[in-house]
Amino acid sequence: MTHKKRGLKKLYNLHAWVGFQLAFIMFIVLATGTIATLSNEIDWLIFPELRSSQKPEKAADAMQVDDWVGIYQSISTAYPNSPITSMTKLDSEYLTFRVVVKDDSLHNRFVQVDPWTYEVKGNIPRLTVQRFFRDFHRYLFMPAFPGLLIVGPLSILLFISLYTGIKTTKNWRKALWRVRVKQGKRILLSDLHKFLGLWGLWFTALMAITGAWYLYEFGNAVVGVRFESNPPVVQEKNADITGMLSVDEFRTIVTSAQNTHNDWEITAFYNSFSADQTMQFRGVSNSNPVIRNRAHRVFVDPQTHNIIGAWSPKTISTHAYINEYADPLHFGDFGGFWLKIVWFVFGIALTAMSYTGVKMTWTRTKSSALTRTQKITLPVFILSLIAFVYWLLKFI
């Protein structure tokens, strides 16, 4: 065997080892991430309160000040003695607006408002499909430590699988178009594995890069380095803040916030309930939909209602700027429903590769018994199940 062939054999063995030995945890993380891509749409099917009415033909593409005021007024009318904690525009126009109200009767529930008619559609539990799969995918229901420390390194394994797969795939031009279905299970699995892998190279690379960024972000947080700057601090604290704002006061505040940045859309409002905590508006650039919908921010003094700070992609640090691209690229929620479908389909393909790789190895070794390494990874799921119980208690 030549030196080159020995090297390829080692790469192939590494590719098979990574995919086979760590198959359980990799499959779960890939599958939950795939479902999380369309989790809001699944919630749309489950909860009628999430379904907005038809967007009017003359409606603006972006939320306007009058839209924010209309929604605020509807909530204030429906819950006159309950201050609004937050208001959030979800990522698609067919989803209703999400509002959190400080009211005992709405403990752990979201109030949903139609963004076009301002009708209060009702309320839903905060434990949604979206919340379940996002937290399962990212943390395995655990706290950031050890959850992110378990999930994050899988991005490195994706890089290894990507590199070793490319290096050991022969005749890739044929493999791009060939899936032989009549020559036995082993050949079918091999062809399907290569077919999915080659067409999904860009997607696997994107998941590995964004996953590695999350790991890098977590590593910095562990050593006390934050990508975001601290928000501005209210200097004079002279009053008790109840969080109750009249409709006129809210109109004045949201108008000032809107005028603080050019070419942006407000996507969220966070109220203040203490004199030293600012109100906050978050938003996204109209000309750059890929960046996360919080890259623009405006901070408001809860006593004077004056603007005391603002962030934009041009003023935040380089690390913070890059960080704002991670989630949209990872979940594909920056280009509407059909782009999510693309991410979902390629997510299924990537998850299927995990399955076909395991089946190929089991077929080749003629053994279905768990290996020692596979058994070692099983306690992770026991920890996840225990963590799920405590995670679930937050929503009860």
Protein backbone atom coordinates (compact mmCIF):
# COMPACT_ATOMS: atom_id res chain seq x y z
CA MET A 1 0.00 0.00 0.00
CA THR A 2 1.39 3.38 -1.02
CA HIS A 3 1.81 6.26 1.40
CA LYS A 4 -1.11 8.08 -0.25
CA LYS A 5 -3.41 5.07 0.05
CA ARG A 6 -2.47 4.59 3.70
CA GLY A 7 -3.28 8.24 4.33
CA LEU A 8 -6.68 7.91 2.64
CA LYS A 9 -7.37 4.76 4.63
CA LYS A 10 -6.68 6.63 7.87
CA LEU A 11 -8.97 9.46 6.80
CA TYR A 12 -11.71 6.99 5.90
CA ASN A 13 -11.38 5.26 9.27
CA LEU A 14 -11.54 8.62 11.02
CA HIS A 15 -14.63 9.58 9.01
CA ALA A 16 -16.32 6.29 9.91
CA TRP A 17 -15.27 6.47 13.58
CA VAL A 18 -16.63 10.00 14.11
CA GLY A 19 -19.91 9.24 12.35
CA PHE A 20 -20.43 5.85 13.99
CA GLN A 21 -19.15 6.21 17.53
CA LEU A 22 -20.85 9.55 18.21
CA ALA A 23 -23.93 8.81 16.12
CA PHE A 24 -26.55 9.05 18.89
CA ILE A 25 -25.81 12.55 20.09
CA MET A 26 -25.03 13.84 16.59
CA PHE A 27 -28.31 12.47 15.22
CA ILE A 28 -30.36 14.02 18.04
CA VAL A 29 -28.74 17.45 17.67
CA LEU A 30 -29.12 17.43 13.87
CA ALA A 31 -32.74 16.22 14.00
CA THR A 32 -33.84 18.74 16.63
CA GLY A 33 -32.11 21.56 14.77
CA THR A 34 -33.89 20.59 11.57
CA ILE A 35 -37.29 20.61 13.26
CA ALA A 36 -36.43 23.91 14.98
CA THR A 37 -36.08 25.49 11.53
CA LEU A 38 -39.84 25.19 10.96
CA SER A 39 -40.92 25.18 14.62
CA ASN A 40 -42.79 28.50 14.35
CA GLU A 41 -44.72 27.08 11.42
CA ILE A 42 -45.56 23.95 13.42
CA ASP A 43 -46.81 26.21 16.22
CA TRP A 44 -48.89 28.04 13.58
CA LEU A 45 -50.63 24.74 12.85
CA ILE A 46 -51.21 23.99 16.53
CA PHE A 47 -52.29 27.40 17.85
CA PRO A 48 -54.98 29.37 15.96
CA GLU A 49 -53.89 32.43 17.97
CA LEU A 50 -50.64 32.49 15.98
CA ARG A 51 -52.39 32.88 12.62
CA SER A 52 -52.57 36.45 11.38
CA SER A 53 -55.16 37.74 8.97
CA GLN A 54 -54.39 38.42 5.33
CA LYS A 55 -51.86 41.21 4.88
CA PRO A 56 -53.62 44.24 3.28
CA GLU A 57 -52.43 45.13 -0.20
CA LYS A 58 -51.57 48.68 0.85
CA ALA A 59 -49.70 47.64 4.01
CA ALA A 60 -46.07 48.73 4.25
CA ASP A 61 -43.36 46.08 4.09
CA ALA A 62 -42.02 47.14 7.50
CA MET A 63 -43.78 47.86 10.79
CA GLN A 64 -44.67 51.54 11.15
CA VAL A 65 -45.10 53.68 14.26
CA ASP A 66 -48.89 53.55 13.88
CA ASP A 67 -48.75 49.74 13.86
CA TRP A 68 -46.86 49.68 17.14
CA VAL A 69 -49.28 52.16 18.68
CA GLY A 70 -52.30 50.22 17.40
CA ILE A 71 -51.06 46.99 18.96
CA TYR A 72 -50.13 48.74 22.20
CA GLN A 73 -53.59 50.33 22.38
CA SER A 74 -55.34 46.99 21.82
CA ILE A 75 -53.39 45.35 24.62
CA SER A 76 -53.96 48.32 26.94
CA THR A 77 -57.69 48.06 26.29
CA ALA A 78 -57.79 44.30 26.82
CA TYR A 79 -55.64 44.44 29.98
CA PRO A 80 -56.07 48.00 31.34
CA ASN A 81 -54.42 47.38 34.70
CA SER A 82 -51.52 45.26 33.48
CA PRO A 83 -48.32 46.86 32.17
CA ILE A 84 -46.76 45.45 29.02
CA THR A 85 -43.42 43.73 29.61
CA SER A 86 -42.40 43.20 25.98
CA MET A 87 -43.72 43.32 22.42
CA THR A 88 -42.09 41.27 19.67
CA LYS A 89 -42.65 40.89 15.95
CA LEU A 90 -42.16 37.26 14.92
CA ASP A 91 -40.16 36.42 11.82
CA SER A 92 -42.99 35.97 9.28
CA GLU A 93 -45.97 38.10 8.27
CA TYR A 94 -48.38 35.14 8.66
CA LEU A 95 -47.54 34.99 12.40
CA THR A 96 -49.24 37.20 14.95
CA PHE A 97 -47.45 39.72 17.14
CA ARG A 98 -46.21 38.42 20.53
CA VAL A 99 -46.78 40.39 23.72
CA VAL A 100 -45.88 39.61 27.33
CA VAL A 101 -48.15 41.25 29.91
CA LYS A 102 -47.40 41.54 33.62
CA ASP A 103 -50.58 39.89 34.87
CA ASP A 104 -51.03 36.95 37.25
CA SER A 105 -53.75 35.49 35.02
CA LEU A 106 -51.22 35.32 32.17
CA HIS A 107 -48.43 33.58 34.06
CA ASN A 108 -46.11 31.94 31.52
CA ARG A 109 -48.37 32.81 28.60
CA PHE A 110 -47.95 34.92 25.47
CA VAL A 111 -50.67 37.27 24.24
CA GLN A 112 -50.95 37.18 20.44
CA VAL A 113 -52.13 40.20 18.43
CA ASP A 114 -52.96 40.38 14.74
CA PRO A 115 -50.38 42.74 13.15
CA TRP A 116 -52.81 43.96 10.48
CA THR A 117 -56.08 44.44 12.40
CA TYR A 118 -54.57 44.86 15.92
CA GLU A 119 -57.12 42.34 17.22
CA VAL A 120 -56.10 40.45 20.35
CA LYS A 121 -56.33 36.86 19.13
CA GLY A 122 -55.89 35.24 22.55
CA ASN A 123 -53.02 33.78 24.51
CA ILE A 124 -50.88 30.66 24.27
CA PRO A 125 -48.48 28.88 26.66
CA ARG A 126 -44.83 29.90 26.52
CA LEU A 127 -43.88 26.25 26.15
CA THR A 128 -44.26 26.01 22.38
CA VAL A 129 -42.79 23.66 19.80
CA GLN A 130 -40.37 26.43 18.90
CA ARG A 131 -39.14 26.79 22.48
CA PHE A 132 -38.90 23.02 23.01
CA PHE A 133 -36.79 22.26 19.95
CA ARG A 134 -34.61 25.39 20.11
CA ASP A 135 -33.60 24.61 23.70
CA PHE A 136 -33.24 20.88 23.04
CA HIS A 137 -31.04 21.57 20.02
CA ARG A 138 -28.79 24.13 21.66
CA TYR A 139 -28.54 23.04 25.31
CA LEU A 140 -30.11 19.54 25.56
CA PHE A 141 -32.32 21.30 28.17
CA MET A 142 -29.28 21.81 30.37
CA PRO A 143 -27.85 25.11 31.58
CA ALA A 144 -25.28 26.72 29.25
CA PHE A 145 -22.70 24.77 31.21
CA PRO A 146 -22.55 21.85 30.50
CA GLY A 147 -25.13 21.97 27.68
CA LEU A 148 -23.18 24.16 25.28
CA LEU A 149 -19.98 22.37 26.20
CA ILE A 150 -21.54 19.12 24.95
CA VAL A 151 -23.28 20.43 21.83
CA GLY A 152 -20.68 23.02 20.76
CA PRO A 153 -17.80 20.62 19.97
CA LEU A 154 -20.06 18.74 17.55
CA SER A 155 -19.29 21.57 15.11
CA ILE A 156 -15.66 20.43 15.14
CA LEU A 157 -16.81 16.90 14.38
CA LEU A 158 -18.79 18.27 11.44
CA PHE A 159 -15.61 19.90 10.13
CA ILE A 160 -13.76 16.57 10.48
CA SER A 161 -16.55 14.67 8.73
CA LEU A 162 -16.68 17.27 5.97
CA TYR A 163 -12.94 17.19 5.31
CA THR A 164 -12.49 13.43 5.53
CA GLY A 165 -15.60 12.83 3.42
CA ILE A 166 -14.33 15.11 0.64
CA LYS A 167 -10.85 13.59 0.68
CA THR A 168 -12.05 9.99 0.55
CA THR A 169 -14.86 10.32 -2.01
CA LYS A 170 -13.82 8.96 -5.40
CA ASN A 171 -15.45 9.89 -8.71
CA TRP A 172 -17.44 12.67 -7.08
CA ARG A 173 -18.80 13.81 -10.46
CA LYS A 174 -20.55 10.46 -10.79
CA ALA A 175 -21.54 10.40 -7.13
CA LEU A 176 -23.36 13.72 -7.55
CA TRP A 177 -25.94 12.07 -9.80
CA ARG A 178 -25.85 8.35 -8.96
CA VAL A 179 -28.12 6.50 -6.53
CA ARG A 180 -28.30 2.79 -7.44
CA VAL A 181 -31.42 1.24 -5.96
CA LYS A 182 -31.23 -2.28 -7.42
CA GLN A 183 -27.74 -3.42 -6.42
CA GLY A 184 -28.23 -4.20 -2.77
CA LYS A 185 -28.61 -2.28 0.47
CA ARG A 186 -24.91 -1.59 0.96
CA ILE A 187 -24.46 0.07 -2.44
CA LEU A 188 -27.72 2.00 -2.03
CA LEU A 189 -26.63 3.33 1.37
CA SER A 190 -23.20 4.24 0.03
CA ASP A 191 -24.58 6.06 -3.01
CA LEU A 192 -27.20 7.86 -0.94
CA HIS A 193 -24.62 8.91 1.65
CA LYS A 194 -22.33 10.37 -1.01
CA PHE A 195 -25.22 11.95 -2.94
CA LEU A 196 -26.57 13.76 0.13
CA GLY A 197 -23.10 14.71 1.32
CA LEU A 198 -21.92 16.23 -1.94
CA TRP A 199 -25.08 18.23 -2.63
CA GLY A 200 -25.14 19.39 0.98
CA LEU A 201 -21.47 20.42 1.25
CA TRP A 202 -22.33 24.11 1.50
CA PHE A 203 -24.97 23.45 4.17
CA THR A 204 -22.72 21.21 6.27
CA ALA A 205 -19.97 23.82 6.10
CA LEU A 206 -22.41 26.56 7.14
CA MET A 207 -23.67 24.54 10.11
CA ALA A 208 -20.09 23.74 11.16
CA ILE A 209 -18.98 27.38 10.91
CA THR A 210 -21.95 28.83 12.80
CA GLY A 211 -21.79 26.02 15.36
CA ALA A 212 -18.09 26.72 15.91
CA TRP A 213 -18.92 30.38 16.38
CA TYR A 214 -21.41 29.51 19.13
CA LEU A 215 -18.67 27.48 20.81
CA TYR A 216 -16.25 30.40 20.46
CA GLU A 217 -18.85 32.77 21.92
CA PHE A 218 -19.41 30.43 24.88
CA GLY A 219 -15.67 30.08 25.46
CA ASN A 220 -15.32 33.84 25.64
CA ALA A 221 -18.25 34.09 28.05
CA VAL A 222 -16.62 31.51 30.33
CA VAL A 223 -13.53 33.70 30.70
CA GLY A 224 -15.65 36.82 31.18
CA VAL A 225 -15.42 38.32 27.69
CA ARG A 226 -18.74 39.58 26.33
CA PHE A 227 -19.19 40.42 22.66
CA GLU A 228 -21.86 43.01 23.48
CA SER A 229 -21.13 46.22 25.32
CA ASN A 230 -23.00 46.98 28.52
CA PRO A 231 -26.19 49.01 27.91
CA PRO A 232 -26.20 52.65 29.00
CA VAL A 233 -27.00 53.34 32.63
CA VAL A 234 -29.66 55.74 33.88
CA GLN A 235 -27.79 58.41 35.81
CA GLU A 236 -30.54 59.91 37.97
CA LYS A 237 -33.03 57.63 39.67
CA ASN A 238 -35.73 59.86 41.09
CA ALA A 239 -38.93 57.94 40.66
CA ASP A 240 -40.60 54.58 41.14
CA ILE A 241 -41.24 52.96 37.76
CA THR A 242 -44.48 51.02 37.35
CA GLY A 243 -44.12 50.24 33.67
CA MET A 244 -47.52 51.75 32.93
CA LEU A 245 -47.42 53.96 29.85
CA SER A 246 -50.35 55.77 28.30
CA VAL A 247 -50.94 55.30 24.58
CA ASP A 248 -49.78 58.88 23.95
CA GLU A 249 -46.61 58.35 25.96
CA PHE A 250 -45.86 55.18 24.04
CA ARG A 251 -46.46 56.94 20.73
CA THR A 252 -43.96 59.65 21.67
CA ILE A 253 -41.36 57.10 22.77
CA VAL A 254 -41.67 54.80 19.75
CA THR A 255 -41.60 57.79 17.37
CA SER A 256 -38.36 59.03 18.93
CA ALA A 257 -36.88 55.55 18.74
CA GLN A 258 -37.86 55.15 15.10
CA ASN A 259 -36.18 58.43 14.21
CA THR A 260 -32.93 57.49 15.96
CA HIS A 261 -31.71 55.21 13.14
CA ASN A 262 -32.12 55.46 9.39
CA ASP A 263 -33.32 52.55 7.25
CA TRP A 264 -34.39 50.24 10.04
CA GLU A 265 -37.49 48.49 11.32
CA ILE A 266 -38.30 48.13 15.02
CA THR A 267 -38.94 44.46 15.82
CA ALA A 268 -39.15 44.45 19.63
CA PHE A 269 -39.88 46.65 22.63
CA TYR A 270 -38.80 45.86 26.20
CA ASN A 271 -40.32 47.87 29.02
CA SER A 272 -38.65 48.97 32.23
CA PHE A 273 -39.87 48.37 35.76
CA SER A 274 -37.04 50.00 37.66
CA ALA A 275 -35.49 53.47 37.59
CA ASP A 276 -32.00 52.15 36.76
CA GLN A 277 -33.10 49.92 33.87
CA THR A 278 -33.64 51.45 30.44
CA MET A 279 -36.50 50.76 28.09
CA GLN A 280 -35.17 49.16 24.94
CA PHE A 281 -36.15 48.96 21.29
CA ARG A 282 -34.52 46.44 18.99
CA GLY A 283 -34.66 46.22 15.23
CA VAL A 284 -33.21 45.12 11.93
CA SER A 285 -31.83 46.90 8.89
CA ASN A 286 -34.25 47.17 5.97
CA SER A 287 -31.36 46.84 3.54
CA ASN A 288 -29.70 43.84 5.23
CA PRO A 289 -32.24 41.17 6.20
CA VAL A 290 -29.54 38.58 6.95
CA ILE A 291 -28.42 40.34 10.13
CA ARG A 292 -30.29 39.44 13.31
CA ASN A 293 -33.33 41.50 14.25
CA ARG A 294 -31.64 43.00 17.28
CA ALA A 295 -28.52 44.54 15.69
CA HIS A 296 -30.06 48.03 15.98
CA ARG A 297 -30.99 49.14 19.48
CA VAL A 298 -32.29 52.27 21.14
CA PHE A 299 -32.21 52.84 24.90
CA VAL A 300 -34.76 55.10 26.59
CA ASP A 301 -34.71 56.63 30.07
CA PRO A 302 -37.85 55.26 31.82
CA GLN A 303 -38.30 58.52 33.77
CA THR A 304 -37.72 61.26 31.21
CA HIS A 305 -38.45 59.14 28.11
CA ASN A 306 -35.36 60.64 26.47
CA ILE A 307 -33.06 58.60 24.23
CA ILE A 308 -29.86 57.95 26.18
CA GLY A 309 -28.09 55.51 23.88
CA ALA A 310 -28.20 53.71 20.55
CA TRP A 311 -26.37 50.85 18.83
CA SER A 312 -26.18 49.96 15.17
CA PRO A 313 -24.09 47.53 13.08
CA LYS A 314 -21.74 50.46 12.36
CA THR A 315 -21.08 51.22 16.02
CA ILE A 316 -20.87 47.79 17.67
CA SER A 317 -17.63 45.80 17.94
CA THR A 318 -16.47 43.45 15.18
CA HIS A 319 -17.20 40.40 17.34
CA ALA A 320 -20.70 41.66 18.11
CA TYR A 321 -21.28 42.43 14.43
CA ILE A 322 -20.30 38.93 13.32
CA ASN A 323 -22.37 37.48 16.15
CA GLU A 324 -25.53 39.07 14.74
CA TYR A 325 -25.26 36.88 11.62
CA ALA A 326 -24.97 33.54 13.43
CA ASP A 327 -28.63 32.75 14.19
CA PRO A 328 -30.13 33.84 10.83
CA LEU A 329 -27.54 31.80 8.92
CA HIS A 330 -27.86 28.80 11.24
CA PHE A 331 -31.67 28.57 11.04
CA GLY A 332 -32.36 30.23 7.69
CA ASP A 333 -34.95 32.62 9.11
CA PHE A 334 -33.94 35.68 7.09
CA GLY A 335 -35.60 35.04 3.73
CA GLY A 336 -39.18 34.00 4.40
CA PHE A 337 -40.97 30.68 4.38
CA TRP A 338 -39.39 29.15 1.27
CA LEU A 339 -35.85 29.76 2.48
CA LYS A 340 -36.78 27.98 5.71
CA ILE A 341 -37.96 25.07 3.56
CA VAL A 342 -34.52 24.95 1.90
CA TRP A 343 -32.82 24.84 5.32
CA PHE A 344 -35.32 22.19 6.47
CA VAL A 345 -34.71 19.95 3.43
CA PHE A 346 -30.94 20.16 3.72
CA GLY A 347 -31.27 19.62 7.47
CA ILE A 348 -33.14 16.39 6.76
CA ALA A 349 -30.37 15.41 4.33
CA LEU A 350 -27.66 16.08 6.91
CA THR A 351 -29.59 14.10 9.55
CA ALA A 352 -30.12 11.27 7.06
CA MET A 353 -26.36 11.14 6.44
CA SER A 354 -25.86 10.42 10.12
CA TYR A 355 -28.29 7.52 9.81
CA THR A 356 -26.92 6.11 6.53
CA GLY A 357 -23.36 6.32 7.84
CA VAL A 358 -24.26 4.22 10.87
CA LYS A 359 -26.16 1.69 8.75
CA MET A 360 -23.18 1.37 6.38
CA THR A 361 -20.80 0.69 9.25
CA TRP A 362 -23.13 -1.83 10.89
CA THR A 363 -23.62 -3.56 7.54
CA ARG A 364 -19.86 -3.68 6.92
CA THR A 365 -18.98 -4.96 10.40
CA LYS A 366 -22.00 -7.30 10.54
CA SER A 367 -22.62 -6.24 14.12
CA SER A 368 -25.50 -4.32 15.69
CA ALA A 369 -24.11 -4.27 19.23
CA LEU A 370 -23.30 -0.93 20.79
CA THR A 371 -19.62 -0.07 21.00
CA ARG A 372 -17.89 1.05 24.16
CA THR A 373 -17.75 4.66 22.94
CA GLN A 374 -21.45 4.64 22.07
CA LYS A 375 -22.29 3.38 25.54
CA ILE A 376 -20.20 6.16 27.08
CA THR A 377 -22.31 8.80 25.28
CA LEU A 378 -25.60 7.41 26.60
CA PRO A 379 -25.33 9.14 30.02
CA VAL A 380 -25.59 12.45 28.15
CA PHE A 381 -29.21 11.61 27.37
CA ILE A 382 -29.84 10.64 30.98
CA LEU A 383 -28.51 14.06 32.03
CA SER A 384 -30.68 15.66 29.36
CA LEU A 385 -33.78 13.85 30.66
CA ILE A 386 -33.08 14.97 34.22
CA ALA A 387 -32.45 18.54 33.04
CA PHE A 388 -35.71 18.42 31.05
CA VAL A 389 -37.71 17.94 34.26
CA TYR A 390 -36.24 21.12 35.78
CA TRP A 391 -36.51 22.94 32.44
CA LEU A 392 -40.20 22.02 32.22
CA LEU A 393 -40.90 23.44 35.68
CA LYS A 394 -40.09 26.93 34.35
CA PHE A 395 -43.22 26.77 32.18
CA ILE A 396 -45.67 25.43 34.76
